[in-house]
C-alpha atoms as a PDB file:
ATOM      1  CA  MET A   1      59.451 106.549  86.804  1.00  0.00           C
ATOM      2  CA  ASN A   2      59.820 108.879  83.888  1.00  0.00           C
ATOM      3  CA  LEU A   3      63.368 108.120  82.134  1.00  0.00           C
ATOM      4  CA  GLU A   4      63.704 111.296  80.989  1.00  0.00           C
ATOM      5  CA  GLU A   5      63.531 113.036  84.695  1.00  0.00           C
ATOM      6  CA  ILE A   6      65.869 110.221  85.413  1.00  0.00           C
ATOM      7  CA  LYS A   7      68.603 111.296  82.983  1.00  0.00           C
ATOM      8  CA  ALA A   8      67.494 115.099  83.769  1.00  0.00           C
ATOM      9  CA  SER A   9      68.997 114.318  87.370  1.00  0.00           C
ATOM     10  CA  VAL A  10      72.175 112.313  86.172  1.00  0.00           C
ATOM     11  CA  LYS A  11      72.578 115.460  84.096  1.00  0.00           C
ATOM     12  CA  LYS A  12      72.553 117.622  87.414  1.00  0.00           C
ATOM     13  CA  ASP A  13      74.520 115.211  89.553  1.00  0.00           C
ATOM     14  CA  GLU A  14      71.553 115.218  91.729  1.00  0.00           C
ATOM     15  CA  PHE A  15      71.351 111.664  92.440  1.00  0.00           C
ATOM     16  CA  VAL A  16      72.735 110.126  95.547  1.00  0.00           C
ATOM     17  CA  LEU A  17      73.831 105.948  95.873  1.00  0.00           C
ATOM     18  CA  SER A  18      72.327 104.123  98.873  1.00  0.00           C
ATOM     19  CA  GLN A  19      74.933 102.106 100.735  1.00  0.00           C
ATOM     20  CA  HIS A  20      74.248  99.178  99.276  1.00  0.00           C
ATOM     21  CA  ALA A  21      74.458 100.943  95.770  1.00  0.00           C
ATOM     22  CA  HIS A  22      77.969 101.851  97.122  1.00  0.00           C
ATOM     23  CA  GLU A  23      79.007  98.244  98.177  1.00  0.00           C
ATOM     24  CA  GLU A  24      77.721  96.750  94.968  1.00  0.00           C
ATOM     25  CA  ARG A  25      79.374  98.948  92.344  1.00  0.00           C
ATOM     26  CA  GLN A  26      82.665  98.345  94.285  1.00  0.00           C
ATOM     27  CA  ALA A  27      82.290  94.762  94.050  1.00  0.00           C
ATOM     28  CA  GLU A  28      81.510  95.020  90.489  1.00  0.00           C
ATOM     29  CA  SER A  29      83.831  97.798  89.800  1.00  0.00           C
ATOM     30  CA  ILE A  30      81.549 100.089  88.701  1.00  0.00           C
ATOM     31  CA  SER A  31      82.864 103.637  88.656  1.00  0.00           C
ATOM     32  CA  ILE A  32      80.316 106.287  89.148  1.00  0.00           C
ATOM     33  CA  ASP A  33      81.010 107.445  85.517  1.00  0.00           C
ATOM     34  CA  ASP A  34      79.989 104.030  84.356  1.00  0.00           C
ATOM     35  CA  ILE A  35      76.673 104.402  86.313  1.00  0.00           C
ATOM     36  CA  LYS A  36      76.172 107.954  84.690  1.00  0.00           C
ATOM     37  CA  THR A  37      76.541 106.266  81.277  1.00  0.00           C
ATOM     38  CA  ALA A  38      74.788 103.494  81.710  1.00  0.00           C
ATOM     39  CA  ILE A  39      71.688 105.685  82.672  1.00  0.00           C
ATOM     40  CA  LEU A  40      72.138 108.435  80.054  1.00  0.00           C
ATOM     41  CA  ASN A  41      72.357 105.752  77.359  1.00  0.00           C
ATOM     42  CA  GLY A  42      70.001 103.271  78.999  1.00  0.00           C
ATOM     43  CA  GLU A  43      66.504 102.108  79.242  1.00  0.00           C
ATOM     44  CA  VAL A  44      63.515 101.092  81.680  1.00  0.00           C
ATOM     45  CA  ILE A  45      63.426  97.360  81.306  1.00  0.00           C
ATOM     46  CA  GLU A  46      61.454  97.114  84.332  1.00  0.00           C
ATOM     47  CA  SER A  47      58.682  99.107  86.581  1.00  0.00           C
ATOM     48  CA  TYR A  48      57.956  99.216  90.183  1.00  0.00           C
ATOM     49  CA  PRO A  49      55.091 101.320  90.682  1.00  0.00           C
ATOM     50  CA  GLU A  50      53.948  99.759  94.003  1.00  0.00           C
ATOM     51  CA  ASP A  51      57.289  98.586  95.454  1.00  0.00           C
ATOM     52  CA  LYS A  52      56.783  99.429  99.372  1.00  0.00           C
ATOM     53  CA  ARG A  53      59.641 101.745  99.403  1.00  0.00           C
ATOM     54  CA  GLY A  54      58.221 103.840  96.814  1.00  0.00           C
ATOM     55  CA  GLU A  55      58.005 103.740  92.849  1.00  0.00           C
ATOM     56  CA  SER A  56      61.379 102.590  91.480  1.00  0.00           C
ATOM     57  CA  CYS A  57      62.306 100.843  87.896  1.00  0.00           C
ATOM     58  CA  LEU A  58      65.374  98.846  86.797  1.00  0.00           C
ATOM     59  CA  ILE A  59      67.455 100.424  83.698  1.00  0.00           C
ATOM     60  CA  LEU A  60      69.649  98.164  81.436  1.00  0.00           C
ATOM     61  CA  GLY A  61      72.323 100.781  80.169  1.00  0.00           C
ATOM     62  CA  TYR A  62      75.857 100.110  78.500  1.00  0.00           C
ATOM     63  CA  SER A  63      79.631 101.436  79.454  1.00  0.00           C
ATOM     64  CA  ASN A  64      81.971 100.541  77.711  1.00  0.00           C
ATOM     65  CA  VAL A  65      79.916  97.664  76.064  1.00  0.00           C
ATOM     66  CA  ARG A  66      79.471  96.002  79.777  1.00  0.00           C
ATOM     67  CA  PRO A  67      75.694  95.805  80.319  1.00  0.00           C
ATOM     68  CA  ILE A  68      74.941  97.689  83.848  1.00  0.00           C
ATOM     69  CA  HIS A  69      71.526  97.154  86.055  1.00  0.00           C
ATOM     70  CA  ILE A  70      70.534 100.263  87.820  1.00  0.00           C
ATOM     71  CA  VAL A  71      67.754 100.662  89.873  1.00  0.00           C
ATOM     72  CA  CYS A  72      66.523 103.470  91.195  1.00  0.00           C
ATOM     73  CA  GLY A  73      63.812 105.105  92.892  1.00  0.00           C
ATOM     74  CA  ARG A  74      63.368 109.045  94.530  1.00  0.00           C
ATOM     75  CA  ALA A  75      65.417 110.094  97.783  1.00  0.00           C
ATOM     76  CA  LYS A  76      63.371 112.086 100.573  1.00  0.00           C
ATOM     77  CA  ILE A  77      64.696 115.133  99.394  1.00  0.00           C
ATOM     78  CA  GLY A  78      63.557 114.611  95.644  1.00  0.00           C
ATOM     79  CA  TRP A  79      66.959 113.533  94.451  1.00  0.00           C
ATOM     80  CA  LEU A  80      67.286 110.290  92.165  1.00  0.00           C
ATOM     81  CA  LYS A  81      68.376 107.499  94.706  1.00  0.00           C
ATOM     82  CA  ILE A  82      70.594 104.860  93.015  1.00  0.00           C
ATOM     83  CA  ILE A  83      69.081 101.565  95.188  1.00  0.00           C
ATOM     84  CA  THR A  84      71.738  99.209  93.772  1.00  0.00           C
ATOM     85  CA  VAL A  85      74.102  98.539  90.526  1.00  0.00           C
ATOM     86  CA  TYR A  86      75.069  95.113  89.125  1.00  0.00           C
ATOM     87  CA  ILE A  87      76.240  93.610  86.151  1.00  0.00           C
ATOM     88  CA  PRO A  88      73.038  91.250  85.138  1.00  0.00           C
ATOM     89  CA  SER A  89      74.158  87.479  85.081  1.00  0.00           C
ATOM     90  CA  ARG A  90      73.174  83.849  85.029  1.00  0.00           C
ATOM     91  CA  PRO A  91      71.703  82.239  86.829  1.00  0.00           C
ATOM     92  CA  LYS A  92      69.411  85.439  87.468  1.00  0.00           C
ATOM     93  CA  TRP A  93      69.583  86.566  84.000  1.00  0.00           C
ATOM     94  CA  ILE A  94      69.660  84.908  80.888  1.00  0.00           C
ATOM     95  CA  THR A  95      70.579  88.208  78.723  1.00  0.00           C
ATOM     96  CA  PRO A  96      70.641  91.621  80.287  1.00  0.00           C
ATOM     97  CA  LYS A  97      67.152  91.867  79.276  1.00  0.00           C
ATOM     98  CA  GLN A  98      65.844  88.659  79.818  1.00  0.00           C
ATOM     99  CA  ARG A  99      65.508  87.116  83.457  1.00  0.00           C
ATOM    100  CA  TYR A 100      65.457  83.376  84.022  1.00  0.00           C
ATOM    101  CA  LYS A 101      61.870  82.145  84.745  1.00  0.00           C
ATOM    102  CA  GLY A 102      61.222  82.650  88.276  1.00  0.00           C
ATOM    103  CA  GLY A 103      64.423  84.182  88.853  1.00  0.00           C
ATOM    104  CA  LYS A 104      64.100  87.310  90.735  1.00  0.00           C
END
């Protein structure tokens, strides 16, 4: 997925959250503004071009110095779809950019 297209969708508020993303953001106290800020200053750290649900990617961005991971793809209507959001942490993540070996 193209990061500039993702950012453009966020700037135009043309995105939707999956039910899972909504539940995860609430559980981790991540606001919609946090998600937008993290995407707009973020970078793609993993791409999933062959995902069975459609092409997607993992973005790492920051909001108030807190790292946030956002997995996004495209919704059927063409808008950006936020699939999930979470704070990267151990045991799966050593750092916000580095997975624990074998820790999918």
